[in-house]
């Protein structure tokens, strides 16, 4: 079995997107080690505090970017290390292939955000964003929204606002604060590109900090 970094699997010390095949959850992760068909990743799970996202035996898909586009491979969760540092070990279960669908890359970007839902307007800030969604923190107000609740979203990028329609994917209450996971369903392609550029900028800045 060949093992070419970046082709057959994501290269070590790069970013990947781990998608749970049994739930509508996608988590960005740092690939730490790839050895003999096992990928060890350090997921960004800070937005899922006290939630057991994966367990041994769960099936996932691993996505990463290459100069020629996006690639993906299927994997199975081998074991989970919790604690101060969270690590997942994933066993590769099939060959990597070119991914036809455009991968929505997520990055940690803090930006002002406004959401209109259930007749209320909430003002907060994003925790991370992608061209297809965002997670954001707000001061809770009124009834907590159910998954599927329609929303209007405005995210203030540095070069101007992005406005979109979407829906609530999940809500986690942390005291008086709400953490909302939002999908952006109706958004102009030019605004998707703007968000994508901002995410790549954030990922480059993060890599530069880690390299110092």
N, C-alpha and C. Protein backbone atom coordinates (compact mmCIF):
# COMPACT_ATOMS: atom_id res chain seq x y z
N UNK A 1 0.85 -1.19 0.00
CA UNK A 1 0.00 0.00 0.00
C UNK A 1 0.88 1.23 0.00
N UNK A 2 0.65 2.13 -0.95
CA UNK A 2 1.46 3.35 -0.99
C UNK A 2 1.07 4.26 0.16
N UNK A 3 1.97 5.17 0.48
CA UNK A 3 1.70 6.11 1.56
C UNK A 3 2.40 7.42 1.25
N UNK A 4 1.85 8.15 0.31
CA UNK A 4 2.43 9.43 -0.10
C UNK A 4 1.73 10.54 0.65
N UNK A 5 2.44 11.28 1.52
CA UNK A 5 1.79 12.37 2.25
C UNK A 5 1.16 13.39 1.31
N UNK A 6 -0.04 13.78 1.65
CA UNK A 6 -0.77 14.75 0.83
C UNK A 6 -1.58 14.12 -0.27
N UNK A 7 -1.24 12.87 -0.63
CA UNK A 7 -1.96 12.16 -1.71
C UNK A 7 -2.78 11.01 -1.14
N UNK A 8 -2.10 10.09 -0.44
CA UNK A 8 -2.80 8.95 0.14
C UNK A 8 -3.36 9.24 1.53
N UNK A 9 -2.90 10.29 2.13
CA UNK A 9 -3.38 10.71 3.45
C UNK A 9 -2.92 12.14 3.67
N UNK A 10 -3.52 12.87 4.60
CA UNK A 10 -3.04 14.23 4.87
C UNK A 10 -1.63 14.19 5.46
N UNK A 11 -0.83 15.17 5.11
CA UNK A 11 0.54 15.23 5.62
C UNK A 11 0.53 15.59 7.11
N UNK A 12 1.56 15.16 7.80
CA UNK A 12 1.69 15.50 9.21
C UNK A 12 1.87 17.01 9.38
N UNK A 13 1.34 17.51 10.48
CA UNK A 13 1.40 18.94 10.83
C UNK A 13 0.67 19.82 9.82
N UNK A 14 -0.44 19.30 9.28
CA UNK A 14 -1.32 20.09 8.41
C UNK A 14 -2.73 20.02 8.98
N UNK A 15 -3.62 20.82 8.39
CA UNK A 15 -5.01 20.85 8.83
C UNK A 15 -5.84 19.86 8.02
N UNK A 16 -6.81 19.25 8.69
CA UNK A 16 -7.76 18.36 8.02
C UNK A 16 -9.13 18.61 8.62
N UNK A 17 -10.14 18.14 7.93
CA UNK A 17 -11.52 18.27 8.36
C UNK A 17 -12.05 16.87 8.63
N UNK A 18 -12.51 16.61 9.86
CA UNK A 18 -13.02 15.29 10.22
C UNK A 18 -14.54 15.38 10.29
N UNK A 19 -15.20 14.59 9.45
CA UNK A 19 -16.66 14.63 9.41
C UNK A 19 -17.23 13.31 9.88
N UNK A 20 -18.14 13.39 10.86
CA UNK A 20 -18.80 12.20 11.38
C UNK A 20 -19.88 11.80 10.40
N UNK A 21 -19.85 10.56 9.95
CA UNK A 21 -20.79 10.12 8.93
C UNK A 21 -22.18 9.87 9.50
N UNK A 22 -22.30 9.75 10.81
CA UNK A 22 -23.60 9.46 11.41
C UNK A 22 -24.26 10.69 12.01
N UNK A 23 -23.60 11.86 11.91
CA UNK A 23 -24.16 13.09 12.47
C UNK A 23 -23.71 14.27 11.63
N UNK A 24 -24.46 15.35 11.74
CA UNK A 24 -24.13 16.55 10.98
C UNK A 24 -23.10 17.37 11.76
N UNK A 25 -21.92 16.79 11.93
CA UNK A 25 -20.86 17.43 12.69
C UNK A 25 -19.56 17.37 11.91
N UNK A 26 -18.88 18.49 11.84
CA UNK A 26 -17.58 18.56 11.18
C UNK A 26 -16.62 19.27 12.12
N UNK A 27 -15.43 18.71 12.30
CA UNK A 27 -14.47 19.25 13.24
C UNK A 27 -13.13 19.44 12.54
N UNK A 28 -12.55 20.62 12.67
CA UNK A 28 -11.21 20.82 12.14
C UNK A 28 -10.20 20.18 13.08
N UNK A 29 -9.09 19.71 12.54
CA UNK A 29 -8.12 19.00 13.35
C UNK A 29 -6.71 19.21 12.81
N UNK A 30 -5.75 19.06 13.70
CA UNK A 30 -4.34 19.10 13.33
C UNK A 30 -3.83 17.67 13.23
N UNK A 31 -3.29 17.31 12.08
CA UNK A 31 -2.74 15.97 11.89
C UNK A 31 -1.36 15.92 12.53
N UNK A 32 -1.21 15.09 13.56
CA UNK A 32 0.07 15.02 14.27
C UNK A 32 0.98 13.93 13.72
N UNK A 33 0.44 12.71 13.58
CA UNK A 33 1.27 11.58 13.15
C UNK A 33 0.44 10.70 12.21
N UNK A 34 1.10 10.20 11.16
CA UNK A 34 0.50 9.20 10.28
C UNK A 34 1.49 8.04 10.21
N UNK A 35 1.04 6.85 10.65
CA UNK A 35 1.98 5.72 10.69
C UNK A 35 1.21 4.42 10.53
N UNK A 36 1.63 3.63 9.51
CA UNK A 36 1.08 2.29 9.27
C UNK A 36 -0.44 2.29 9.25
N UNK A 37 -1.01 3.21 8.50
CA UNK A 37 -2.46 3.22 8.30
C UNK A 37 -3.26 3.84 9.43
N UNK A 38 -2.57 4.45 10.39
CA UNK A 38 -3.27 5.09 11.51
C UNK A 38 -2.93 6.58 11.51
N UNK A 39 -3.97 7.41 11.60
CA UNK A 39 -3.80 8.85 11.64
C UNK A 39 -4.13 9.34 13.04
N UNK A 40 -3.19 10.03 13.67
CA UNK A 40 -3.43 10.62 14.98
C UNK A 40 -3.67 12.11 14.79
N UNK A 41 -4.84 12.58 15.25
CA UNK A 41 -5.19 13.98 15.06
C UNK A 41 -5.53 14.62 16.40
N UNK A 42 -5.36 15.93 16.43
CA UNK A 42 -5.71 16.72 17.60
C UNK A 42 -6.88 17.62 17.20
N UNK A 43 -8.12 17.22 17.48
CA UNK A 43 -9.28 17.98 17.01
C UNK A 43 -9.50 19.25 17.81
N UNK A 44 -10.11 20.22 17.14
CA UNK A 44 -10.52 21.46 17.81
C UNK A 44 -11.92 21.24 18.36
N UNK A 45 -12.01 20.71 19.56
CA UNK A 45 -13.31 20.34 20.13
C UNK A 45 -13.76 21.30 21.22
N UNK A 46 -13.15 22.46 21.30
CA UNK A 46 -13.49 23.40 22.36
C UNK A 46 -14.94 23.83 22.36
N UNK A 47 -15.58 23.78 21.19
CA UNK A 47 -16.98 24.20 21.11
C UNK A 47 -17.94 23.08 21.46
N UNK A 48 -17.40 21.91 21.82
CA UNK A 48 -18.25 20.78 22.17
C UNK A 48 -17.89 20.29 23.58
N UNK A 49 -17.74 21.26 24.50
CA UNK A 49 -17.36 20.93 25.87
C UNK A 49 -18.37 19.97 26.47
N UNK A 50 -17.84 18.95 27.15
CA UNK A 50 -18.66 17.95 27.83
C UNK A 50 -19.51 17.11 26.88
N UNK A 51 -19.17 17.12 25.60
CA UNK A 51 -19.87 16.26 24.65
C UNK A 51 -18.91 15.21 24.11
N UNK A 52 -19.37 13.96 24.11
CA UNK A 52 -18.58 12.87 23.57
C UNK A 52 -18.87 12.80 22.08
N UNK A 53 -18.01 13.41 21.28
CA UNK A 53 -18.27 13.50 19.85
C UNK A 53 -18.12 12.17 19.14
N UNK A 54 -17.05 11.45 19.47
CA UNK A 54 -16.80 10.18 18.81
C UNK A 54 -16.45 9.11 19.83
N UNK A 55 -16.57 7.87 19.40
CA UNK A 55 -16.22 6.72 20.22
C UNK A 55 -15.56 5.68 19.33
N UNK A 56 -14.76 4.80 19.88
CA UNK A 56 -14.15 3.75 19.06
C UNK A 56 -15.20 2.99 18.26
N UNK A 57 -14.91 2.80 16.98
CA UNK A 57 -15.84 2.13 16.10
C UNK A 57 -16.65 3.06 15.22
N UNK A 58 -16.68 4.35 15.57
CA UNK A 58 -17.42 5.31 14.74
C UNK A 58 -16.72 5.49 13.39
N UNK A 59 -17.53 5.69 12.36
CA UNK A 59 -17.00 5.92 11.02
C UNK A 59 -16.91 7.42 10.75
N UNK A 60 -15.82 7.84 10.13
CA UNK A 60 -15.61 9.25 9.82
C UNK A 60 -15.04 9.37 8.41
N UNK A 61 -15.05 10.59 7.90
CA UNK A 61 -14.39 10.91 6.65
C UNK A 61 -13.36 12.00 6.92
N UNK A 62 -12.19 11.85 6.34
CA UNK A 62 -11.11 12.81 6.52
C UNK A 62 -10.91 13.57 5.21
N UNK A 63 -11.00 14.90 5.26
CA UNK A 63 -10.84 15.74 4.08
C UNK A 63 -9.63 16.65 4.27
N UNK A 64 -8.91 16.87 3.19
CA UNK A 64 -7.79 17.82 3.24
C UNK A 64 -7.59 18.43 1.86
N UNK A 65 -6.84 19.53 1.83
CA UNK A 65 -6.61 20.26 0.59
C UNK A 65 -5.25 19.91 0.00
N UNK A 66 -5.18 19.90 -1.32
CA UNK A 66 -3.93 19.74 -2.05
C UNK A 66 -3.89 20.81 -3.13
N UNK A 67 -2.73 21.04 -3.74
CA UNK A 67 -2.67 22.02 -4.83
C UNK A 67 -3.60 21.68 -6.00
N UNK A 68 -3.97 20.38 -6.12
CA UNK A 68 -4.83 19.95 -7.22
C UNK A 68 -6.30 19.86 -6.84
N UNK A 69 -6.63 20.26 -5.63
CA UNK A 69 -8.03 20.18 -5.20
C UNK A 69 -8.15 19.55 -3.83
N UNK A 70 -9.25 18.88 -3.60
CA UNK A 70 -9.52 18.27 -2.30
C UNK A 70 -9.48 16.75 -2.40
N UNK A 71 -9.01 16.14 -1.34
CA UNK A 71 -9.00 14.68 -1.28
C UNK A 71 -9.70 14.23 0.00
N UNK A 72 -10.14 12.98 -0.03
CA UNK A 72 -10.89 12.45 1.11
C UNK A 72 -10.61 10.96 1.24
N UNK A 73 -10.69 10.48 2.47
CA UNK A 73 -10.57 9.04 2.69
C UNK A 73 -11.48 8.64 3.85
N UNK A 74 -11.96 7.40 3.82
CA UNK A 74 -12.78 6.89 4.93
C UNK A 74 -11.89 6.35 6.05
N UNK A 75 -12.38 6.45 7.27
CA UNK A 75 -11.60 5.96 8.41
C UNK A 75 -12.56 5.54 9.52
N UNK A 76 -11.99 4.81 10.47
CA UNK A 76 -12.75 4.38 11.64
C UNK A 76 -12.01 4.82 12.89
N UNK A 77 -12.75 5.28 13.89
CA UNK A 77 -12.12 5.73 15.14
C UNK A 77 -11.56 4.52 15.88
N UNK A 78 -10.25 4.55 16.12
CA UNK A 78 -9.59 3.46 16.83
C UNK A 78 -9.66 3.67 18.33
N UNK A 79 -9.27 4.84 18.78
CA UNK A 79 -9.41 5.17 20.20
C UNK A 79 -9.43 6.69 20.38
N UNK A 80 -9.88 7.10 21.56
CA UNK A 80 -10.06 8.52 21.88
C UNK A 80 -9.34 8.82 23.18
N UNK A 81 -8.51 9.85 23.16
CA UNK A 81 -7.80 10.29 24.35
C UNK A 81 -8.39 11.63 24.79
N UNK A 82 -9.05 11.63 25.96
CA UNK A 82 -9.65 12.85 26.49
C UNK A 82 -8.74 13.44 27.57
N UNK A 83 -9.15 14.57 28.08
CA UNK A 83 -8.33 15.24 29.08
C UNK A 83 -7.98 16.64 28.63
N UNK A 84 -6.86 17.16 29.15
CA UNK A 84 -6.42 18.50 28.78
C UNK A 84 -6.18 18.59 27.28
N UNK A 85 -5.58 17.55 26.73
CA UNK A 85 -5.37 17.46 25.29
C UNK A 85 -6.22 16.32 24.75
N UNK A 86 -6.98 16.62 23.71
CA UNK A 86 -7.83 15.59 23.10
C UNK A 86 -7.16 15.10 21.82
N UNK A 87 -7.06 13.78 21.68
CA UNK A 87 -6.52 13.18 20.46
C UNK A 87 -7.42 12.04 20.02
N UNK A 88 -7.57 11.93 18.72
CA UNK A 88 -8.27 10.80 18.13
C UNK A 88 -7.29 10.03 17.27
N UNK A 89 -7.35 8.69 17.34
CA UNK A 89 -6.57 7.85 16.44
C UNK A 89 -7.53 7.18 15.49
N UNK A 90 -7.29 7.36 14.21
CA UNK A 90 -8.19 6.90 13.16
C UNK A 90 -7.50 5.87 12.30
N UNK A 91 -8.15 4.75 12.07
CA UNK A 91 -7.63 3.72 11.18
C UNK A 91 -8.18 3.95 9.77
N UNK A 92 -7.31 4.07 8.80
CA UNK A 92 -7.72 4.26 7.41
C UNK A 92 -8.39 2.98 6.92
N UNK A 93 -9.59 3.09 6.37
CA UNK A 93 -10.34 1.91 5.95
C UNK A 93 -10.51 1.79 4.44
N UNK A 94 -10.00 2.77 3.70
CA UNK A 94 -10.14 2.72 2.24
C UNK A 94 -9.18 3.70 1.59
N UNK A 95 -9.05 3.64 0.29
CA UNK A 95 -8.10 4.51 -0.40
C UNK A 95 -8.59 5.96 -0.46
N UNK A 96 -7.64 6.87 -0.55
CA UNK A 96 -7.97 8.28 -0.72
C UNK A 96 -8.39 8.54 -2.16
N UNK A 97 -9.35 9.42 -2.32
CA UNK A 97 -9.85 9.77 -3.65
C UNK A 97 -10.00 11.27 -3.76
N UNK A 98 -10.00 11.72 -5.02
CA UNK A 98 -10.28 13.13 -5.25
C UNK A 98 -11.72 13.41 -4.86
N UNK A 99 -11.94 14.49 -4.12
CA UNK A 99 -13.28 14.84 -3.67
C UNK A 99 -13.89 15.83 -4.65
N UNK A 100 -15.03 15.45 -5.23
CA UNK A 100 -15.68 16.31 -6.20
C UNK A 100 -16.36 17.51 -5.55
N UNK A 101 -16.82 17.30 -4.34
CA UNK A 101 -17.52 18.42 -3.71
C UNK A 101 -16.53 19.39 -3.08
N UNK A 102 -16.89 20.64 -3.11
CA UNK A 102 -16.04 21.68 -2.54
C UNK A 102 -16.12 21.61 -1.03
N UNK A 103 -14.99 21.43 -0.40
CA UNK A 103 -14.96 21.29 1.03
C UNK A 103 -15.03 22.65 1.70
N UNK A 104 -15.94 22.79 2.64
CA UNK A 104 -16.06 24.03 3.39
C UNK A 104 -15.03 24.00 4.51
N UNK A 105 -13.94 24.73 4.34
CA UNK A 105 -12.86 24.73 5.32
C UNK A 105 -13.22 25.68 6.45
N UNK A 106 -13.08 25.19 7.67
CA UNK A 106 -13.45 25.97 8.85
C UNK A 106 -12.20 26.50 9.54
N UNK A 107 -12.27 27.73 10.02
CA UNK A 107 -11.16 28.31 10.73
C UNK A 107 -11.64 29.12 11.92
N UNK A 108 -10.77 29.25 12.90
CA UNK A 108 -11.11 30.03 14.10
C UNK A 108 -10.92 31.51 13.79
N UNK A 109 -12.04 32.20 13.62
CA UNK A 109 -12.04 33.62 13.29
C UNK A 109 -13.08 34.30 14.17
N UNK A 110 -12.66 35.32 14.89
CA UNK A 110 -13.58 36.06 15.76
C UNK A 110 -14.03 37.32 15.03
N UNK A 111 -15.33 37.40 14.75
CA UNK A 111 -15.90 38.53 14.02
C UNK A 111 -17.26 38.89 14.63
N UNK A 112 -17.66 40.16 14.54
CA UNK A 112 -19.00 40.53 15.01
C UNK A 112 -20.07 39.83 14.16
N UNK A 113 -21.13 39.38 14.83
CA UNK A 113 -22.20 38.68 14.11
C UNK A 113 -23.54 39.07 14.72
N UNK A 114 -24.53 39.21 13.85
CA UNK A 114 -25.90 39.46 14.29
C UNK A 114 -26.80 38.36 13.72
N UNK A 115 -27.71 37.88 14.55
CA UNK A 115 -28.64 36.83 14.12
C UNK A 115 -30.05 37.24 14.49
N UNK A 116 -30.94 37.12 13.54
CA UNK A 116 -32.36 37.35 13.79
C UNK A 116 -33.07 36.00 13.80
N UNK A 117 -33.69 35.68 14.96
CA UNK A 117 -34.41 34.41 15.08
C UNK A 117 -35.58 34.58 16.02
N UNK A 118 -36.68 33.95 15.69
CA UNK A 118 -37.89 34.00 16.51
C UNK A 118 -38.30 35.43 16.84
N UNK A 119 -38.04 36.36 15.92
CA UNK A 119 -38.42 37.75 16.15
C UNK A 119 -37.45 38.53 17.02
N UNK A 120 -36.38 37.89 17.48
CA UNK A 120 -35.39 38.56 18.32
C UNK A 120 -34.10 38.76 17.54
N UNK A 121 -33.36 39.82 17.89
CA UNK A 121 -32.05 40.05 17.29
C UNK A 121 -30.98 39.83 18.35
N UNK A 122 -30.05 38.95 18.04
CA UNK A 122 -28.94 38.65 18.94
C UNK A 122 -27.66 39.19 18.35
N UNK A 123 -26.83 39.78 19.21
CA UNK A 123 -25.53 40.30 18.78
C UNK A 123 -24.44 39.55 19.53
N UNK A 124 -23.46 39.07 18.80
CA UNK A 124 -22.38 38.33 19.44
C UNK A 124 -21.15 38.31 18.58
N UNK A 125 -20.38 37.23 18.70
CA UNK A 125 -19.17 37.08 17.90
C UNK A 125 -18.98 35.64 17.51
N UNK A 126 -18.39 35.46 16.33
CA UNK A 126 -18.13 34.11 15.85
C UNK A 126 -16.99 33.48 16.64
N UNK A 127 -17.04 32.17 16.74
CA UNK A 127 -15.93 31.39 17.29
C UNK A 127 -15.13 30.80 16.15
N UNK A 128 -15.83 30.26 15.17
CA UNK A 128 -15.20 29.83 13.92
C UNK A 128 -16.23 29.94 12.80
N UNK A 129 -15.72 29.97 11.57
CA UNK A 129 -16.61 30.14 10.43
C UNK A 129 -16.12 29.30 9.27
N UNK A 130 -17.04 29.03 8.35
CA UNK A 130 -16.71 28.46 7.06
C UNK A 130 -17.70 29.07 6.08
N UNK A 131 -17.54 28.77 4.82
CA UNK A 131 -18.46 29.31 3.82
C UNK A 131 -19.85 28.70 3.92
N UNK A 132 -20.00 27.63 4.70
CA UNK A 132 -21.30 26.98 4.81
C UNK A 132 -21.91 27.07 6.21
N UNK A 133 -21.19 27.70 7.15
CA UNK A 133 -21.74 27.77 8.49
C UNK A 133 -20.84 28.52 9.45
N UNK A 134 -21.29 28.62 10.68
CA UNK A 134 -20.52 29.32 11.71
C UNK A 134 -20.95 28.83 13.08
N UNK A 135 -20.06 28.96 14.03
CA UNK A 135 -20.41 28.81 15.43
C UNK A 135 -20.17 30.16 16.09
N UNK A 136 -21.12 30.58 16.90
CA UNK A 136 -21.04 31.93 17.46
C UNK A 136 -21.62 31.95 18.87
N UNK A 137 -21.13 32.90 19.68
CA UNK A 137 -21.57 33.06 21.06
C UNK A 137 -22.44 34.31 21.18
N UNK A 138 -23.51 34.18 21.97
CA UNK A 138 -24.43 35.29 22.18
C UNK A 138 -24.87 35.29 23.65
N UNK A 139 -25.34 36.45 24.11
CA UNK A 139 -26.07 36.50 25.37
C UNK A 139 -27.48 36.00 25.08
N UNK A 140 -27.88 34.95 25.78
CA UNK A 140 -29.18 34.36 25.52
C UNK A 140 -30.33 35.32 25.78
N UNK A 141 -31.39 35.21 24.97
CA UNK A 141 -32.55 36.08 25.12
C UNK A 141 -33.78 35.36 24.59
N UNK A 142 -34.82 35.29 25.43
CA UNK A 142 -36.05 34.64 24.99
C UNK A 142 -35.93 33.12 25.06
N UNK A 143 -36.77 32.44 24.28
CA UNK A 143 -36.77 30.99 24.26
C UNK A 143 -35.59 30.47 23.45
N UNK A 144 -34.95 29.44 23.96
CA UNK A 144 -33.83 28.84 23.23
C UNK A 144 -34.33 28.25 21.92
N UNK A 145 -33.64 28.48 20.82
CA UNK A 145 -34.11 27.98 19.52
C UNK A 145 -33.92 26.48 19.39
N UNK A 146 -34.84 25.85 18.70
CA UNK A 146 -34.74 24.43 18.39
C UNK A 146 -33.93 24.23 17.11
N UNK A 147 -33.31 23.08 16.94
CA UNK A 147 -32.65 22.78 15.66
C UNK A 147 -33.64 22.92 14.51
N UNK A 148 -33.20 23.55 13.43
CA UNK A 148 -34.06 23.78 12.29
C UNK A 148 -34.71 25.15 12.28
N UNK A 149 -34.57 25.92 13.38
CA UNK A 149 -35.14 27.26 13.42
C UNK A 149 -34.49 28.15 12.36
N UNK A 150 -35.27 28.78 11.48
CA UNK A 150 -34.68 29.64 10.45
C UNK A 150 -34.08 30.91 11.06
N UNK A 151 -33.01 31.40 10.46
CA UNK A 151 -32.33 32.59 10.96
C UNK A 151 -31.88 33.47 9.79
N UNK A 152 -31.72 34.75 10.09
CA UNK A 152 -31.01 35.67 9.21
C UNK A 152 -29.69 36.00 9.88
N UNK A 153 -28.61 35.93 9.14
CA UNK A 153 -27.27 36.09 9.71
C UNK A 153 -26.53 37.23 9.01
N UNK A 154 -25.86 38.04 9.79
CA UNK A 154 -24.96 39.06 9.26
C UNK A 154 -23.62 38.91 9.97
N UNK A 155 -22.57 38.64 9.20
CA UNK A 155 -21.21 38.52 9.72
C UNK A 155 -20.40 39.68 9.17
N UNK A 156 -19.78 40.44 10.05
CA UNK A 156 -19.03 41.63 9.63
C UNK A 156 -17.57 41.28 9.38
N UNK A 157 -17.25 40.95 8.11
CA UNK A 157 -15.87 40.79 7.71
C UNK A 157 -15.19 42.15 7.67
N UNK A 158 -13.86 42.14 7.66
CA UNK A 158 -13.12 43.39 7.65
C UNK A 158 -13.40 44.23 6.41
N UNK A 159 -13.73 43.58 5.28
CA UNK A 159 -13.98 44.32 4.04
C UNK A 159 -15.47 44.51 3.76
N UNK A 160 -16.31 44.31 4.79
CA UNK A 160 -17.75 44.54 4.62
C UNK A 160 -18.56 43.35 5.10
N UNK A 161 -19.86 43.57 5.31
CA UNK A 161 -20.69 42.51 5.88
C UNK A 161 -21.07 41.43 4.87
N UNK A 162 -21.32 40.24 5.40
CA UNK A 162 -21.90 39.12 4.65
C UNK A 162 -23.28 38.86 5.25
N UNK A 163 -24.29 38.79 4.40
CA UNK A 163 -25.64 38.50 4.88
C UNK A 163 -26.14 37.22 4.23
N UNK A 164 -26.78 36.40 5.03
CA UNK A 164 -27.24 35.10 4.53
C UNK A 164 -28.44 34.64 5.34
N UNK A 165 -29.13 33.66 4.77
CA UNK A 165 -30.21 32.98 5.50
C UNK A 165 -29.75 31.56 5.80
N UNK A 166 -30.18 31.07 6.93
CA UNK A 166 -29.76 29.72 7.30
C UNK A 166 -30.68 29.15 8.35
N UNK A 167 -30.13 28.27 9.18
CA UNK A 167 -30.91 27.67 10.24
C UNK A 167 -30.00 27.24 11.38
N UNK A 168 -30.60 27.06 12.53
CA UNK A 168 -29.88 26.59 13.71
C UNK A 168 -29.63 25.09 13.58
N UNK A 169 -28.38 24.68 13.76
CA UNK A 169 -28.05 23.25 13.76
C UNK A 169 -28.12 22.70 15.17
N UNK A 170 -27.53 23.44 16.12
CA UNK A 170 -27.60 23.05 17.53
C UNK A 170 -27.38 24.27 18.40
N UNK A 171 -27.80 24.13 19.67
CA UNK A 171 -27.62 25.20 20.63
C UNK A 171 -27.12 24.61 21.93
N UNK A 172 -26.06 25.19 22.48
CA UNK A 172 -25.52 24.76 23.77
C UNK A 172 -25.55 25.97 24.70
N UNK A 173 -26.22 25.85 25.85
CA UNK A 173 -26.28 26.92 26.83
C UNK A 173 -25.14 26.78 27.81
N UNK A 174 -24.41 27.88 28.01
CA UNK A 174 -23.34 27.93 29.00
C UNK A 174 -23.65 29.08 29.94
N UNK A 175 -24.44 28.79 30.96
CA UNK A 175 -24.94 29.85 31.82
C UNK A 175 -25.91 30.70 31.02
N UNK A 176 -25.66 32.03 31.03
CA UNK A 176 -26.52 32.94 30.27
C UNK A 176 -26.08 33.08 28.83
N UNK A 177 -25.01 32.39 28.45
CA UNK A 177 -24.49 32.48 27.09
C UNK A 177 -24.99 31.32 26.25
N UNK A 178 -25.27 31.62 24.98
CA UNK A 178 -25.65 30.60 24.01
C UNK A 178 -24.54 30.41 23.00
N UNK A 179 -24.23 29.16 22.73
CA UNK A 179 -23.33 28.82 21.62
C UNK A 179 -24.21 28.22 20.52
N UNK A 180 -24.34 28.96 19.42
CA UNK A 180 -25.17 28.50 18.32
C UNK A 180 -24.31 28.00 17.18
N UNK A 181 -24.64 26.80 16.69
CA UNK A 181 -24.06 26.30 15.45
C UNK A 181 -25.08 26.60 14.34
N UNK A 182 -24.64 27.33 13.34
CA UNK A 182 -25.53 27.82 12.30
C UNK A 182 -25.10 27.32 10.93
N UNK A 183 -26.05 26.94 10.11
CA UNK A 183 -25.76 26.66 8.71
C UNK A 183 -26.11 27.90 7.90
N UNK A 184 -25.34 28.15 6.84
CA UNK A 184 -25.63 29.25 5.91
C UNK A 184 -26.13 28.62 4.63
N UNK A 185 -27.44 28.62 4.46
CA UNK A 185 -28.05 27.90 3.34
C UNK A 185 -28.13 28.77 2.10
N UNK A 186 -28.63 29.98 2.26
CA UNK A 186 -28.79 30.90 1.13
C UNK A 186 -27.76 32.02 1.28
N UNK A 187 -26.66 31.90 0.54
CA UNK A 187 -25.57 32.86 0.61
C UNK A 187 -24.98 33.00 -0.79
N UNK A 188 -24.68 34.23 -1.18
CA UNK A 188 -24.15 34.46 -2.52
C UNK A 188 -22.76 33.87 -2.65
N UNK A 189 -22.47 33.39 -3.87
CA UNK A 189 -21.18 32.74 -4.11
C UNK A 189 -20.02 33.69 -3.84
N UNK A 190 -20.16 34.96 -4.18
CA UNK A 190 -19.08 35.91 -3.94
C UNK A 190 -18.80 36.06 -2.45
N UNK A 191 -19.86 35.95 -1.62
CA UNK A 191 -19.66 36.03 -0.18
C UNK A 191 -19.05 34.75 0.37
N UNK A 192 -19.39 33.61 -0.24
CA UNK A 192 -18.72 32.37 0.14
C UNK A 192 -17.21 32.49 -0.10
N UNK A 193 -16.84 33.06 -1.25
CA UNK A 193 -15.43 33.22 -1.57
C UNK A 193 -14.74 34.16 -0.59
N UNK A 194 -15.43 35.21 -0.16
CA UNK A 194 -14.84 36.15 0.81
C UNK A 194 -14.59 35.46 2.14
N UNK A 195 -15.55 34.66 2.59
CA UNK A 195 -15.36 33.94 3.84
C UNK A 195 -14.22 32.94 3.71
N UNK A 196 -14.18 32.26 2.58
CA UNK A 196 -13.13 31.26 2.35
C UNK A 196 -11.75 31.91 2.41
N UNK A 197 -11.60 33.08 1.77
CA UNK A 197 -10.30 33.78 1.82
C UNK A 197 -9.94 34.16 3.24
N UNK A 198 -10.94 34.60 4.02
CA UNK A 198 -10.67 35.00 5.41
C UNK A 198 -10.27 33.79 6.25
N UNK A 199 -10.89 32.65 5.99
CA UNK A 199 -10.53 31.43 6.74
C UNK A 199 -9.10 31.01 6.41
N UNK A 200 -8.74 31.03 5.13
CA UNK A 200 -7.37 30.66 4.76
C UNK A 200 -6.36 31.61 5.39
N UNK A 201 -6.70 32.89 5.46
CA UNK A 201 -5.82 33.86 6.12
C UNK A 201 -5.61 33.47 7.59
N UNK A 202 -6.70 33.10 8.26
CA UNK A 202 -6.61 32.71 9.67
C UNK A 202 -5.77 31.45 9.85
N UNK A 203 -5.92 30.47 8.93
CA UNK A 203 -5.14 29.24 9.03
C UNK A 203 -3.66 29.52 8.81
N UNK A 204 -3.33 30.42 7.86
CA UNK A 204 -1.92 30.78 7.64
C UNK A 204 -1.34 31.46 8.86
N UNK A 205 -2.11 32.34 9.48
CA UNK A 205 -1.64 33.04 10.68
C UNK A 205 -1.42 32.06 11.83
N UNK A 206 -2.32 31.08 11.96
CA UNK A 206 -2.18 30.09 13.03
C UNK A 206 -0.92 29.25 12.82
N UNK A 207 -0.68 28.82 11.58
CA UNK A 207 0.52 28.02 11.30
C UNK A 207 1.78 28.82 11.59
N UNK A 208 1.76 30.12 11.27
CA UNK A 208 2.91 30.97 11.52
C UNK A 208 3.19 31.08 13.00
N UNK A 209 2.14 31.18 13.80
CA UNK A 209 2.33 31.24 15.27
C UNK A 209 2.90 29.95 15.80
N UNK A 210 2.39 28.80 15.29
CA UNK A 210 2.89 27.52 15.76
C UNK A 210 4.34 27.29 15.37
N UNK A 211 4.77 27.91 14.27
CA UNK A 211 6.14 27.74 13.78
C UNK A 211 7.14 28.58 14.53
N UNK A 212 6.68 29.56 15.30
CA UNK A 212 7.59 30.47 16.00
C UNK A 212 8.33 29.75 17.13
